[in-house]
Amino acid sequence: MAISFVPAMNAYQAASRLGGGEAVGSAGAMQGAGSFTDALANAAKGAVSTLQTGEAAAAQGAAGQGEMVHVVNAVTAAELTLETVVAIRDKVISAYQDIIKMPI
């Protein structure tokens, strides 16, 4: 059985796009600079899509309909995406708390 690094690479590229860097090895380099709101919206849509794909694959696997490699890859990608979203959320909350503590 071959080990697939596709989910890890996708998570790295998603995190790279969120951080404003250019993803290594991505076919499409970052397009023109959009607004921060657009970047967040696109990242959120991508995360939700990945999580929905993982959920659907898990349901297929539980029903015995899906190919096990596909199920594992989709669930792993969803897990990595969720971990990335939680890490970003924690950083945003920490930054907000630091701003609130600043004297005026």
N, C-alpha and C. Protein backbone atom coordinates (compact mmCIF):
# COMPACT_ATOMS: atom_id res chain seq x y z
N MET A 1 0.85 -1.18 0.00
CA MET A 1 0.00 0.00 0.00
C MET A 1 0.89 1.24 0.00
N ALA A 2 0.66 2.13 -0.91
CA ALA A 2 1.45 3.36 -1.03
C ALA A 2 0.93 4.42 -0.07
N ILE A 3 1.83 5.21 0.47
CA ILE A 3 1.45 6.29 1.37
C ILE A 3 1.24 7.55 0.54
N SER A 4 0.11 8.18 0.75
CA SER A 4 -0.22 9.39 0.00
C SER A 4 0.05 10.62 0.86
N PHE A 5 0.81 11.55 0.31
CA PHE A 5 1.10 12.79 1.00
C PHE A 5 0.22 13.92 0.50
N VAL A 6 -0.77 13.60 -0.32
CA VAL A 6 -1.65 14.62 -0.90
C VAL A 6 -2.39 15.42 0.17
N PRO A 7 -3.00 14.77 1.18
CA PRO A 7 -3.71 15.57 2.19
C PRO A 7 -2.78 16.52 2.95
N ALA A 8 -1.59 16.06 3.28
CA ALA A 8 -0.65 16.92 3.99
C ALA A 8 -0.22 18.09 3.10
N MET A 9 0.01 17.82 1.83
CA MET A 9 0.42 18.87 0.91
C MET A 9 -0.71 19.88 0.72
N ASN A 10 -1.95 19.40 0.63
CA ASN A 10 -3.09 20.31 0.49
C ASN A 10 -3.24 21.19 1.72
N ALA A 11 -3.05 20.61 2.90
CA ALA A 11 -3.16 21.40 4.14
C ALA A 11 -2.05 22.44 4.20
N TYR A 12 -0.84 22.05 3.77
CA TYR A 12 0.28 23.01 3.76
C TYR A 12 -0.01 24.16 2.80
N GLN A 13 -0.54 23.83 1.62
CA GLN A 13 -0.84 24.87 0.65
C GLN A 13 -1.94 25.79 1.15
N ALA A 14 -2.95 25.24 1.82
CA ALA A 14 -4.03 26.07 2.37
C ALA A 14 -3.49 27.00 3.45
N ALA A 15 -2.62 26.48 4.31
CA ALA A 15 -2.03 27.31 5.35
C ALA A 15 -1.12 28.38 4.74
N SER A 16 -0.42 28.02 3.68
CA SER A 16 0.45 28.98 3.02
C SER A 16 -0.36 30.11 2.40
N ARG A 17 -1.49 29.77 1.79
CA ARG A 17 -2.35 30.80 1.20
C ARG A 17 -2.91 31.71 2.28
N LEU A 18 -3.26 31.13 3.44
CA LEU A 18 -3.78 31.95 4.53
C LEU A 18 -2.73 32.90 5.06
N GLY A 19 -1.48 32.43 5.09
CA GLY A 19 -0.39 33.25 5.61
C GLY A 19 0.10 34.28 4.62
N GLY A 20 -0.37 34.25 3.41
CA GLY A 20 0.03 35.23 2.41
C GLY A 20 1.24 34.80 1.62
N GLY A 21 1.77 33.61 1.90
CA GLY A 21 2.92 33.13 1.16
C GLY A 21 2.48 32.41 -0.09
N GLU A 22 3.44 32.08 -0.94
CA GLU A 22 3.13 31.34 -2.14
C GLU A 22 3.34 29.88 -1.86
N ALA A 23 2.37 29.05 -2.20
CA ALA A 23 2.44 27.62 -1.92
C ALA A 23 3.53 26.98 -2.77
N VAL A 24 4.31 26.13 -2.15
CA VAL A 24 5.38 25.42 -2.84
C VAL A 24 4.75 24.31 -3.66
N GLY A 25 5.09 24.25 -4.94
CA GLY A 25 4.62 23.18 -5.78
C GLY A 25 3.19 23.32 -6.24
N SER A 26 2.56 24.42 -6.00
CA SER A 26 1.18 24.55 -6.45
C SER A 26 1.16 24.90 -7.93
N ALA A 27 0.17 24.37 -8.61
CA ALA A 27 0.09 24.61 -10.04
C ALA A 27 -0.28 26.06 -10.33
N GLY A 28 -1.19 26.60 -9.55
CA GLY A 28 -1.60 27.99 -9.76
C GLY A 28 -1.03 28.86 -8.66
N ALA A 29 -0.11 29.72 -9.03
CA ALA A 29 0.44 30.64 -8.03
C ALA A 29 -0.66 31.60 -7.61
N MET A 30 -0.43 32.26 -6.51
CA MET A 30 -1.46 33.17 -6.00
C MET A 30 -1.80 34.22 -7.05
N GLN A 31 -3.09 34.42 -7.22
CA GLN A 31 -3.57 35.40 -8.18
C GLN A 31 -3.35 36.79 -7.60
N GLY A 32 -3.88 37.80 -8.26
CA GLY A 32 -3.71 39.18 -7.82
C GLY A 32 -4.16 39.38 -6.39
N ALA A 33 -3.64 40.40 -5.77
CA ALA A 33 -3.94 40.66 -4.36
C ALA A 33 -5.39 41.07 -4.21
N GLY A 34 -6.14 40.33 -3.43
CA GLY A 34 -7.53 40.65 -3.12
C GLY A 34 -7.58 41.21 -1.72
N SER A 35 -8.78 41.45 -1.26
CA SER A 35 -8.92 41.98 0.08
C SER A 35 -8.75 40.86 1.10
N PHE A 36 -8.48 41.25 2.32
CA PHE A 36 -8.31 40.30 3.41
C PHE A 36 -9.61 39.54 3.64
N THR A 37 -10.72 40.24 3.50
CA THR A 37 -12.03 39.61 3.68
C THR A 37 -12.25 38.52 2.64
N ASP A 38 -11.86 38.78 1.39
CA ASP A 38 -12.00 37.78 0.33
C ASP A 38 -11.13 36.56 0.63
N ALA A 39 -9.91 36.80 1.10
CA ALA A 39 -9.01 35.71 1.43
C ALA A 39 -9.59 34.84 2.54
N LEU A 40 -10.14 35.48 3.57
CA LEU A 40 -10.75 34.72 4.66
C LEU A 40 -11.98 33.95 4.19
N ALA A 41 -12.79 34.58 3.36
CA ALA A 41 -13.99 33.91 2.84
C ALA A 41 -13.61 32.70 2.00
N ASN A 42 -12.62 32.84 1.15
CA ASN A 42 -12.18 31.73 0.31
C ASN A 42 -11.59 30.60 1.15
N ALA A 43 -10.82 30.96 2.17
CA ALA A 43 -10.23 29.95 3.04
C ALA A 43 -11.32 29.21 3.82
N ALA A 44 -12.32 29.93 4.29
CA ALA A 44 -13.41 29.31 5.03
C ALA A 44 -14.21 28.37 4.12
N LYS A 45 -14.47 28.80 2.89
CA LYS A 45 -15.20 27.95 1.95
C LYS A 45 -14.42 26.68 1.64
N GLY A 46 -13.11 26.83 1.46
CA GLY A 46 -12.27 25.66 1.20
C GLY A 46 -12.24 24.71 2.39
N ALA A 47 -12.17 25.26 3.59
CA ALA A 47 -12.17 24.42 4.79
C ALA A 47 -13.48 23.67 4.94
N VAL A 48 -14.58 24.36 4.73
CA VAL A 48 -15.90 23.72 4.84
C VAL A 48 -16.04 22.62 3.79
N SER A 49 -15.58 22.90 2.59
CA SER A 49 -15.65 21.91 1.51
C SER A 49 -14.84 20.66 1.86
N THR A 50 -13.64 20.85 2.38
CA THR A 50 -12.79 19.72 2.76
C THR A 50 -13.44 18.92 3.89
N LEU A 51 -14.01 19.60 4.87
CA LEU A 51 -14.67 18.92 5.97
C LEU A 51 -15.90 18.14 5.49
N GLN A 52 -16.66 18.71 4.56
CA GLN A 52 -17.83 18.02 4.02
C GLN A 52 -17.41 16.79 3.22
N THR A 53 -16.32 16.90 2.47
CA THR A 53 -15.82 15.76 1.71
C THR A 53 -15.39 14.65 2.65
N GLY A 54 -14.69 15.02 3.73
CA GLY A 54 -14.27 14.02 4.72
C GLY A 54 -15.45 13.35 5.39
N GLU A 55 -16.48 14.14 5.70
CA GLU A 55 -17.68 13.58 6.34
C GLU A 55 -18.39 12.61 5.40
N ALA A 56 -18.51 12.99 4.13
CA ALA A 56 -19.17 12.12 3.15
C ALA A 56 -18.38 10.82 2.96
N ALA A 57 -17.06 10.94 2.90
CA ALA A 57 -16.22 9.75 2.74
C ALA A 57 -16.32 8.85 3.97
N ALA A 58 -16.38 9.44 5.16
CA ALA A 58 -16.52 8.64 6.38
C ALA A 58 -17.85 7.90 6.39
N ALA A 59 -18.90 8.56 5.93
CA ALA A 59 -20.22 7.92 5.87
C ALA A 59 -20.20 6.76 4.88
N GLN A 60 -19.53 6.96 3.74
CA GLN A 60 -19.43 5.88 2.76
C GLN A 60 -18.62 4.71 3.32
N GLY A 61 -17.54 5.04 4.04
CA GLY A 61 -16.72 3.99 4.64
C GLY A 61 -17.49 3.21 5.69
N ALA A 62 -18.29 3.91 6.50
CA ALA A 62 -19.09 3.24 7.52
C ALA A 62 -20.14 2.33 6.89
N ALA A 63 -20.63 2.72 5.72
CA ALA A 63 -21.63 1.91 5.03
C ALA A 63 -20.98 0.79 4.21
N GLY A 64 -19.65 0.79 4.14
CA GLY A 64 -18.94 -0.24 3.39
C GLY A 64 -18.94 -0.01 1.90
N GLN A 65 -19.23 1.22 1.47
CA GLN A 65 -19.33 1.51 0.04
C GLN A 65 -18.06 2.14 -0.53
N GLY A 66 -17.30 2.82 0.30
CA GLY A 66 -16.14 3.56 -0.21
C GLY A 66 -14.88 2.74 -0.20
N GLU A 67 -13.94 3.14 -1.04
CA GLU A 67 -12.63 2.51 -1.06
C GLU A 67 -11.86 3.02 0.16
N MET A 68 -11.23 2.11 0.90
CA MET A 68 -10.63 2.44 2.19
C MET A 68 -9.55 3.52 2.04
N VAL A 69 -8.75 3.49 1.00
CA VAL A 69 -7.69 4.48 0.81
C VAL A 69 -8.30 5.87 0.63
N HIS A 70 -9.37 5.95 -0.15
CA HIS A 70 -10.05 7.23 -0.37
C HIS A 70 -10.64 7.76 0.94
N VAL A 71 -11.24 6.86 1.71
CA VAL A 71 -11.85 7.26 2.98
C VAL A 71 -10.78 7.80 3.93
N VAL A 72 -9.68 7.08 4.06
CA VAL A 72 -8.60 7.51 4.97
C VAL A 72 -8.01 8.84 4.51
N ASN A 73 -7.77 8.99 3.22
CA ASN A 73 -7.21 10.26 2.71
C ASN A 73 -8.16 11.43 2.95
N ALA A 74 -9.44 11.23 2.71
CA ALA A 74 -10.41 12.31 2.89
C ALA A 74 -10.56 12.68 4.37
N VAL A 75 -10.60 11.69 5.23
CA VAL A 75 -10.72 11.96 6.67
C VAL A 75 -9.45 12.62 7.20
N THR A 76 -8.29 12.20 6.72
CA THR A 76 -7.03 12.82 7.13
C THR A 76 -6.96 14.27 6.67
N ALA A 77 -7.40 14.54 5.45
CA ALA A 77 -7.41 15.92 4.96
C ALA A 77 -8.36 16.77 5.80
N ALA A 78 -9.50 16.21 6.16
CA ALA A 78 -10.46 16.95 6.99
C ALA A 78 -9.87 17.22 8.38
N GLU A 79 -9.17 16.24 8.92
CA GLU A 79 -8.55 16.41 10.24
C GLU A 79 -7.48 17.50 10.20
N LEU A 80 -6.64 17.48 9.18
CA LEU A 80 -5.60 18.50 9.05
C LEU A 80 -6.21 19.89 8.86
N THR A 81 -7.27 19.96 8.09
CA THR A 81 -7.95 21.24 7.88
C THR A 81 -8.53 21.76 9.18
N LEU A 82 -9.16 20.88 9.95
CA LEU A 82 -9.73 21.29 11.23
C LEU A 82 -8.65 21.77 12.20
N GLU A 83 -7.53 21.06 12.23
CA GLU A 83 -6.42 21.48 13.10
C GLU A 83 -5.88 22.84 12.68
N THR A 84 -5.81 23.09 11.38
CA THR A 84 -5.34 24.39 10.88
C THR A 84 -6.31 25.50 11.27
N VAL A 85 -7.60 25.24 11.10
CA VAL A 85 -8.62 26.24 11.45
C VAL A 85 -8.57 26.55 12.95
N VAL A 86 -8.42 25.53 13.77
CA VAL A 86 -8.36 25.74 15.22
C VAL A 86 -7.11 26.54 15.59
N ALA A 87 -5.98 26.24 14.96
CA ALA A 87 -4.74 26.98 15.25
C ALA A 87 -4.88 28.45 14.85
N ILE A 88 -5.49 28.70 13.70
CA ILE A 88 -5.69 30.08 13.26
C ILE A 88 -6.65 30.80 14.20
N ARG A 89 -7.72 30.12 14.61
CA ARG A 89 -8.66 30.71 15.55
C ARG A 89 -7.97 31.09 16.85
N ASP A 90 -7.12 30.19 17.36
CA ASP A 90 -6.39 30.47 18.60
C ASP A 90 -5.48 31.68 18.46
N LYS A 91 -4.82 31.82 17.31
CA LYS A 91 -3.95 32.98 17.08
C LYS A 91 -4.76 34.27 17.00
N VAL A 92 -5.91 34.22 16.36
CA VAL A 92 -6.76 35.40 16.25
C VAL A 92 -7.26 35.82 17.63
N ILE A 93 -7.68 34.87 18.42
CA ILE A 93 -8.15 35.19 19.78
C ILE A 93 -7.01 35.77 20.61
N SER A 94 -5.83 35.19 20.50
CA SER A 94 -4.68 35.70 21.24
C SER A 94 -4.34 37.13 20.81
N ALA A 95 -4.37 37.40 19.52
CA ALA A 95 -4.09 38.76 19.03
C ALA A 95 -5.15 39.74 19.52
N TYR A 96 -6.41 39.32 19.51
CA TYR A 96 -7.50 40.17 19.99
C TYR A 96 -7.30 40.50 21.47
N GLN A 97 -6.94 39.49 22.26
CA GLN A 97 -6.72 39.72 23.69
C GLN A 97 -5.54 40.67 23.92
N ASP A 98 -4.49 40.54 23.11
CA ASP A 98 -3.36 41.46 23.22
C ASP A 98 -3.76 42.90 22.90
N ILE A 99 -4.60 43.06 21.89
CA ILE A 99 -5.06 44.40 21.51
C ILE A 99 -5.93 45.00 22.62
N ILE A 100 -6.80 44.17 23.19
CA ILE A 100 -7.68 44.64 24.26
C ILE A 100 -6.86 45.11 25.47
N LYS A 101 -5.73 44.48 25.74
CA LYS A 101 -4.90 44.82 26.90
C LYS A 101 -4.09 46.09 26.71
N MET A 102 -4.01 46.58 25.46
CA MET A 102 -3.22 47.79 25.19
C MET A 102 -3.87 49.01 25.82
N PRO A 103 -3.04 49.86 26.45
CA PRO A 103 -3.61 51.11 26.99
C PRO A 103 -3.94 52.08 25.86
N ILE A 104 -4.95 52.85 26.08
CA ILE A 104 -5.37 53.84 25.07
C ILE A 104 -4.66 55.15 25.31
